[in-house]
Amino acid sequence: MRPATRSMLMAGLISVSVWQLGEAAYIQAKAWLAQRLIAAAWDQARAAGVGVKPWPWADTYPVARIEAPRQGARLMVLSGASGRTLAFGPGHVAGTPLPGEHGNSVISGHRDTHFAFLRELRSGDVLMVQAANGGVVRYVVSAVEVVHRKDMRVLLDAGDDRLTLVTCFPFDSPVTGGPLRYVVVATRDLQGIVEI
């Protein structure tokens, strides 16, 4: 191979690598900044008693805050679970009770940003959910499983109060989406609602 061709090929490979790293950094930065803006909207919403959009053109708003103390995760949960919403944070699946309410509240999120901590959750771990009314509900992880994306039983009411967290699986797959979902089920602790 000629030196000029080799130099052009090397420059092209370096450019693509830098572009890919920049793209990954952009996604992480956007997720981080969005959570800060959403947290500010959450504070305003709690003070006003109504949902507040985190930026003027947003088509979502925060509905709860979730915390996994052992994993050091503290995230705002948004209304809706569209791809556009999940780019900014975990989303509450419409048609299920809001986090902290009675029934099976389902929240989905991306495995490579906000819900990356799910892989560290184990049976017995605690999740704390601050509901819109300010009350804090304590949940304890009771099950972790991998299901097919068409398995709708994760959305069903199981007759108890639970929080179901769903993300794509496997965590380290270079392919987005895929047919498998990682599901964490946490049931309401007997302590119920705790005041903050």
C-alpha atoms as a PDB file:
ATOM      1  CA  MET A   1       0.000   0.000   0.000  1.00  0.00           C
ATOM      2  CA  ARG A   2       1.297   3.457  -0.869  1.00  0.00           C
ATOM      3  CA  PRO A   3       2.294   5.765   2.002  1.00  0.00           C
ATOM      4  CA  ALA A   4      -0.229   8.427   0.905  1.00  0.00           C
ATOM      5  CA  THR A   5      -3.049   5.876   0.801  1.00  0.00           C
ATOM      6  CA  ARG A   6      -2.047   4.493   4.180  1.00  0.00           C
ATOM      7  CA  SER A   7      -1.985   8.012   5.671  1.00  0.00           C
ATOM      8  CA  MET A   8      -5.436   8.787   4.268  1.00  0.00           C
ATOM      9  CA  LEU A   9      -6.801   5.503   5.593  1.00  0.00           C
ATOM     10  CA  MET A  10      -5.304   6.153   9.024  1.00  0.00           C
ATOM     11  CA  ALA A  11      -6.683   9.707   9.096  1.00  0.00           C
ATOM     12  CA  GLY A  12     -10.121   8.365   8.151  1.00  0.00           C
ATOM     13  CA  LEU A  13     -10.042   5.743  10.908  1.00  0.00           C
ATOM     14  CA  ILE A  14      -8.951   8.299  13.486  1.00  0.00           C
ATOM     15  CA  SER A  15     -11.717  10.693  12.365  1.00  0.00           C
ATOM     16  CA  VAL A  16     -14.383   7.989  12.670  1.00  0.00           C
ATOM     17  CA  SER A  17     -13.064   6.992  16.104  1.00  0.00           C
ATOM     18  CA  VAL A  18     -13.108  10.585  17.364  1.00  0.00           C
ATOM     19  CA  TRP A  19     -16.620  11.047  15.958  1.00  0.00           C
ATOM     20  CA  GLN A  20     -17.855   7.883  17.732  1.00  0.00           C
ATOM     21  CA  LEU A  21     -16.289   8.925  21.046  1.00  0.00           C
ATOM     22  CA  GLY A  22     -17.821  12.382  20.695  1.00  0.00           C
ATOM     23  CA  GLU A  23     -21.218  10.859  19.985  1.00  0.00           C
ATOM     24  CA  ALA A  24     -21.002   8.688  23.128  1.00  0.00           C
ATOM     25  CA  ALA A  25     -19.883  11.661  25.235  1.00  0.00           C
ATOM     26  CA  TYR A  26     -22.768  13.751  23.854  1.00  0.00           C
ATOM     27  CA  ILE A  27     -25.328  11.114  24.859  1.00  0.00           C
ATOM     28  CA  GLN A  28     -23.915  10.894  28.385  1.00  0.00           C
ATOM     29  CA  ALA A  29     -23.743  14.699  28.739  1.00  0.00           C
ATOM     30  CA  LYS A  30     -27.312  15.119  27.475  1.00  0.00           C
ATOM     31  CA  ALA A  31     -28.571  12.519  29.964  1.00  0.00           C
ATOM     32  CA  TRP A  32     -26.709  14.222  32.833  1.00  0.00           C
ATOM     33  CA  LEU A  33     -27.888  17.751  31.979  1.00  0.00           C
ATOM     34  CA  ALA A  34     -31.462  16.638  31.390  1.00  0.00           C
ATOM     35  CA  GLN A  35     -31.656  15.080  34.838  1.00  0.00           C
ATOM     36  CA  ARG A  36     -30.557  18.433  36.382  1.00  0.00           C
ATOM     37  CA  LEU A  37     -33.209  20.395  34.464  1.00  0.00           C
ATOM     38  CA  ILE A  38     -35.840  17.779  35.266  1.00  0.00           C
ATOM     39  CA  ALA A  39     -34.944  17.906  38.982  1.00  0.00           C
ATOM     40  CA  ALA A  40     -35.470  21.678  38.959  1.00  0.00           C
ATOM     41  CA  ALA A  41     -38.866  21.184  37.272  1.00  0.00           C
ATOM     42  CA  TRP A  42     -39.713  18.570  39.936  1.00  0.00           C
ATOM     43  CA  ASP A  43     -39.024  21.059  42.713  1.00  0.00           C
ATOM     44  CA  GLN A  44     -41.209  23.659  40.974  1.00  0.00           C
ATOM     45  CA  ALA A  45     -43.995  21.124  40.385  1.00  0.00           C
ATOM     46  CA  ARG A  46     -44.056  20.047  44.017  1.00  0.00           C
ATOM     47  CA  ALA A  47     -44.281  23.676  45.114  1.00  0.00           C
ATOM     48  CA  ALA A  48     -47.008  24.507  42.552  1.00  0.00           C
ATOM     49  CA  GLY A  49     -48.937  21.227  42.798  1.00  0.00           C
ATOM     50  CA  VAL A  50     -49.000  20.695  39.006  1.00  0.00           C
ATOM     51  CA  GLY A  51     -46.677  19.085  36.437  1.00  0.00           C
ATOM     52  CA  VAL A  52     -43.975  21.451  35.186  1.00  0.00           C
ATOM     53  CA  LYS A  53     -42.099  20.926  31.916  1.00  0.00           C
ATOM     54  CA  PRO A  54     -38.294  20.926  32.346  1.00  0.00           C
ATOM     55  CA  TRP A  55     -37.842  23.072  29.203  1.00  0.00           C
ATOM     56  CA  PRO A  56     -40.436  24.953  27.158  1.00  0.00           C
ATOM     57  CA  TRP A  57     -40.652  22.509  24.217  1.00  0.00           C
ATOM     58  CA  ALA A  58     -40.704  19.357  26.377  1.00  0.00           C
ATOM     59  CA  ASP A  59     -43.557  16.910  25.833  1.00  0.00           C
ATOM     60  CA  THR A  60     -43.010  15.333  29.265  1.00  0.00           C
ATOM     61  CA  TYR A  61     -42.630  16.308  32.902  1.00  0.00           C
ATOM     62  CA  PRO A  62     -41.333  14.629  36.076  1.00  0.00           C
ATOM     63  CA  VAL A  63     -43.777  12.391  37.959  1.00  0.00           C
ATOM     64  CA  ALA A  64     -41.528  10.863  40.636  1.00  0.00           C
ATOM     65  CA  ARG A  65     -37.987  10.528  41.950  1.00  0.00           C
ATOM     66  CA  ILE A  66     -36.428   7.098  42.388  1.00  0.00           C
ATOM     67  CA  GLU A  67     -33.357   6.294  44.453  1.00  0.00           C
ATOM     68  CA  ALA A  68     -31.293   3.126  44.804  1.00  0.00           C
ATOM     69  CA  PRO A  69     -29.137   3.919  47.873  1.00  0.00           C
ATOM     70  CA  ARG A  70     -26.695   0.988  47.617  1.00  0.00           C
ATOM     71  CA  GLN A  71     -25.984   1.731  43.955  1.00  0.00           C
ATOM     72  CA  GLY A  72     -25.826   5.510  44.467  1.00  0.00           C
ATOM     73  CA  ALA A  73     -28.490   6.104  41.812  1.00  0.00           C
ATOM     74  CA  ARG A  74     -30.962   8.979  42.129  1.00  0.00           C
ATOM     75  CA  LEU A  75     -33.122   9.699  39.098  1.00  0.00           C
ATOM     76  CA  MET A  76     -36.176  11.654  38.071  1.00  0.00           C
ATOM     77  CA  VAL A  77     -38.947   9.618  36.403  1.00  0.00           C
ATOM     78  CA  LEU A  78     -40.733  11.240  33.469  1.00  0.00           C
ATOM     79  CA  SER A  79     -44.295  10.943  32.225  1.00  0.00           C
ATOM     80  CA  GLY A  80     -44.440   8.564  29.255  1.00  0.00           C
ATOM     81  CA  ALA A  81     -42.019   6.028  27.874  1.00  0.00           C
ATOM     82  CA  SER A  82     -41.513   7.057  24.255  1.00  0.00           C
ATOM     83  CA  GLY A  83     -38.017   6.922  22.784  1.00  0.00           C
ATOM     84  CA  ARG A  84     -37.870  10.706  22.874  1.00  0.00           C
ATOM     85  CA  THR A  85     -38.699  10.744  26.598  1.00  0.00           C
ATOM     86  CA  LEU A  86     -36.261   7.932  27.451  1.00  0.00           C
ATOM     87  CA  ALA A  87     -33.422   9.961  25.930  1.00  0.00           C
ATOM     88  CA  PHE A  88     -33.770  12.281  28.951  1.00  0.00           C
ATOM     89  CA  GLY A  89     -34.571   9.864  31.753  1.00  0.00           C
ATOM     90  CA  PRO A  90     -36.527   6.798  32.771  1.00  0.00           C
ATOM     91  CA  GLY A  91     -40.190   6.973  31.821  1.00  0.00           C
ATOM     92  CA  HIS A  92     -43.396   5.881  33.505  1.00  0.00           C
ATOM     93  CA  VAL A  93     -45.350   3.482  31.270  1.00  0.00           C
ATOM     94  CA  ALA A  94     -48.820   4.890  30.580  1.00  0.00           C
ATOM     95  CA  GLY A  95     -51.696   2.733  31.754  1.00  0.00           C
ATOM     96  CA  THR A  96     -49.906   1.632  34.920  1.00  0.00           C
ATOM     97  CA  PRO A  97     -50.258   3.378  38.305  1.00  0.00           C
ATOM     98  CA  LEU A  98     -47.904   6.259  38.995  1.00  0.00           C
ATOM     99  CA  PRO A  99     -44.832   5.403  41.083  1.00  0.00           C
ATOM    100  CA  GLY A 100     -45.812   5.227  44.740  1.00  0.00           C
ATOM    101  CA  GLU A 101     -49.473   4.474  44.027  1.00  0.00           C
ATOM    102  CA  HIS A 102     -51.201   1.125  44.606  1.00  0.00           C
ATOM    103  CA  GLY A 103     -50.735  -1.564  41.947  1.00  0.00           C
ATOM    104  CA  ASN A 104     -47.929  -2.336  39.492  1.00  0.00           C
ATOM    105  CA  SER A 105     -46.110   0.846  38.463  1.00  0.00           C
ATOM    106  CA  VAL A 106     -43.877   0.172  35.448  1.00  0.00           C
ATOM    107  CA  ILE A 107     -40.875   2.342  34.584  1.00  0.00           C
ATOM    108  CA  SER A 108     -38.585   1.798  31.607  1.00  0.00           C
ATOM    109  CA  GLY A 109     -35.184   3.264  30.835  1.00  0.00           C
ATOM    110  CA  HIS A 110     -32.084   2.886  28.691  1.00  0.00           C
ATOM    111  CA  ARG A 111     -29.539   0.289  29.813  1.00  0.00           C
ATOM    112  CA  ASP A 112     -26.539   2.412  28.820  1.00  0.00           C
ATOM    113  CA  THR A 113     -27.475   5.611  30.676  1.00  0.00           C
ATOM    114  CA  HIS A 114     -30.112   5.990  33.397  1.00  0.00           C
ATOM    115  CA  PHE A 115     -30.892   2.314  34.010  1.00  0.00           C
ATOM    116  CA  ALA A 116     -27.311   1.011  33.840  1.00  0.00           C
ATOM    117  CA  PHE A 117     -27.487   0.581  37.640  1.00  0.00           C
ATOM    118  CA  LEU A 118     -30.163  -2.124  37.267  1.00  0.00           C
ATOM    119  CA  ARG A 119     -27.473  -4.713  36.593  1.00  0.00           C
ATOM    120  CA  GLU A 120     -26.202  -4.126  40.173  1.00  0.00           C
ATOM    121  CA  LEU A 121     -29.585  -4.563  41.884  1.00  0.00           C
ATOM    122  CA  ARG A 122     -29.978  -7.746  43.908  1.00  0.00           C
ATOM    123  CA  SER A 123     -32.821  -9.349  45.815  1.00  0.00           C
ATOM    124  CA  GLY A 124     -33.263  -7.467  49.094  1.00  0.00           C
ATOM    125  CA  ASP A 125     -31.937  -4.127  47.777  1.00  0.00           C
ATOM    126  CA  VAL A 126     -34.000  -1.066  48.679  1.00  0.00           C
ATOM    127  CA  LEU A 127     -35.543   1.396  46.231  1.00  0.00           C
ATOM    128  CA  MET A 128     -37.075   4.642  47.480  1.00  0.00           C
ATOM    129  CA  VAL A 129     -39.706   6.460  45.432  1.00  0.00           C
ATOM    130  CA  GLN A 130     -40.792  10.006  46.136  1.00  0.00           C
ATOM    131  CA  ALA A 131     -44.297  10.462  44.761  1.00  0.00           C
ATOM    132  CA  ALA A 132     -45.769  13.713  43.490  1.00  0.00           C
ATOM    133  CA  ASN A 133     -47.556  14.260  46.820  1.00  0.00           C
ATOM    134  CA  GLY A 134     -44.176  14.321  48.590  1.00  0.00           C
ATOM    135  CA  GLY A 135     -44.561  10.969  50.315  1.00  0.00           C
ATOM    136  CA  VAL A 136     -41.737   8.463  50.055  1.00  0.00           C
ATOM    137  CA  VAL A 137     -42.506   4.798  49.435  1.00  0.00           C
ATOM    138  CA  ARG A 138     -39.934   2.124  50.189  1.00  0.00           C
ATOM    139  CA  TYR A 139     -39.703  -0.924  47.916  1.00  0.00           C
ATOM    140  CA  VAL A 140     -37.557  -4.035  48.279  1.00  0.00           C
ATOM    141  CA  VAL A 141     -36.254  -5.917  45.220  1.00  0.00           C
ATOM    142  CA  SER A 142     -37.948  -9.297  45.152  1.00  0.00           C
ATOM    143  CA  ALA A 143     -37.152 -10.625  41.663  1.00  0.00           C
ATOM    144  CA  VAL A 144     -34.822 -10.096  38.716  1.00  0.00           C
ATOM    145  CA  GLU A 145     -35.477 -11.843  35.416  1.00  0.00           C
ATOM    146  CA  VAL A 146     -34.880 -11.688  31.681  1.00  0.00           C
ATOM    147  CA  VAL A 147     -37.984 -11.884  29.503  1.00  0.00           C
ATOM    148  CA  HIS A 148     -38.865 -11.541  25.827  1.00  0.00           C
ATOM    149  CA  ARG A 149     -40.023  -8.037  24.867  1.00  0.00           C
ATOM    150  CA  LYS A 150     -43.437  -9.446  23.904  1.00  0.00           C
ATOM    151  CA  ASP A 151     -43.962 -10.847  27.417  1.00  0.00           C
ATOM    152  CA  MET A 152     -46.685  -8.475  28.611  1.00  0.00           C
ATOM    153  CA  ARG A 153     -47.093 -10.025  32.066  1.00  0.00           C
ATOM    154  CA  VAL A 154     -44.587  -7.478  33.432  1.00  0.00           C
ATOM    155  CA  LEU A 155     -47.306  -4.844  32.858  1.00  0.00           C
ATOM    156  CA  LEU A 156     -50.076  -6.745  34.617  1.00  0.00           C
ATOM    157  CA  ASP A 157     -51.427  -6.051  38.069  1.00  0.00           C
ATOM    158  CA  ALA A 158     -50.185  -8.882  40.307  1.00  0.00           C
ATOM    159  CA  GLY A 159     -52.476  -8.042  43.225  1.00  0.00           C
ATOM    160  CA  ASP A 160     -49.768  -6.312  45.238  1.00  0.00           C
ATOM    161  CA  ASP A 161     -48.058  -2.914  45.270  1.00  0.00           C
ATOM    162  CA  ARG A 162     -44.912  -3.117  43.195  1.00  0.00           C
ATOM    163  CA  LEU A 163     -42.446  -1.204  41.122  1.00  0.00           C
ATOM    164  CA  THR A 164     -41.338  -2.883  37.891  1.00  0.00           C
ATOM    165  CA  LEU A 165     -38.189  -1.525  36.225  1.00  0.00           C
ATOM    166  CA  VAL A 166     -37.522  -2.594  32.630  1.00  0.00           C
ATOM    167  CA  THR A 167     -34.534  -2.105  30.318  1.00  0.00           C
ATOM    168  CA  CYS A 168     -33.016  -3.784  27.264  1.00  0.00           C
ATOM    169  CA  PHE A 169     -30.768  -6.821  27.690  1.00  0.00           C
ATOM    170  CA  PRO A 170     -27.927  -7.758  27.479  1.00  0.00           C
ATOM    171  CA  PHE A 171     -26.339  -4.678  29.025  1.00  0.00           C
ATOM    172  CA  ASP A 172     -23.126  -4.766  26.971  1.00  0.00           C
ATOM    173  CA  SER A 173     -24.691  -5.553  23.593  1.00  0.00           C
ATOM    174  CA  PRO A 174     -23.481  -3.340  20.744  1.00  0.00           C
ATOM    175  CA  VAL A 175     -26.940  -3.703  19.175  1.00  0.00           C
ATOM    176  CA  THR A 176     -29.698  -1.411  20.420  1.00  0.00           C
ATOM    177  CA  GLY A 177     -33.145  -2.757  21.206  1.00  0.00           C
ATOM    178  CA  GLY A 178     -33.151  -6.494  20.692  1.00  0.00           C
ATOM    179  CA  PRO A 179     -35.759  -9.028  21.802  1.00  0.00           C
ATOM    180  CA  LEU A 180     -34.807  -9.370  25.490  1.00  0.00           C
ATOM    181  CA  ARG A 181     -35.701  -7.220  28.487  1.00  0.00           C
ATOM    182  CA  TYR A 182     -34.123  -7.145  31.945  1.00  0.00           C
ATOM    183  CA  VAL A 183     -36.853  -6.803  34.552  1.00  0.00           C
ATOM    184  CA  VAL A 184     -36.450  -5.861  38.218  1.00  0.00           C
ATOM    185  CA  VAL A 185     -39.502  -6.267  40.448  1.00  0.00           C
ATOM    186  CA  ALA A 186     -39.604  -4.536  43.830  1.00  0.00           C
ATOM    187  CA  THR A 187     -42.546  -4.887  46.202  1.00  0.00           C
ATOM    188  CA  ARG A 188     -43.698  -2.240  48.645  1.00  0.00           C
ATOM    189  CA  ASP A 189     -42.050  -2.667  52.009  1.00  0.00           C
ATOM    190  CA  LEU A 190     -44.312  -3.274  54.967  1.00  0.00           C
ATOM    191  CA  GLN A 191     -43.188   0.103  56.328  1.00  0.00           C
ATOM    192  CA  GLY A 192     -45.265   1.692  53.521  1.00  0.00           C
ATOM    193  CA  ILE A 193     -45.047   5.444  53.108  1.00  0.00           C
ATOM    194  CA  VAL A 194     -42.373   7.364  54.963  1.00  0.00           C
ATOM    195  CA  GLU A 195     -42.459  11.128  55.382  1.00  0.00           C
ATOM    196  CA  ILE A 196     -39.390  13.032  54.218  1.00  0.00           C
END
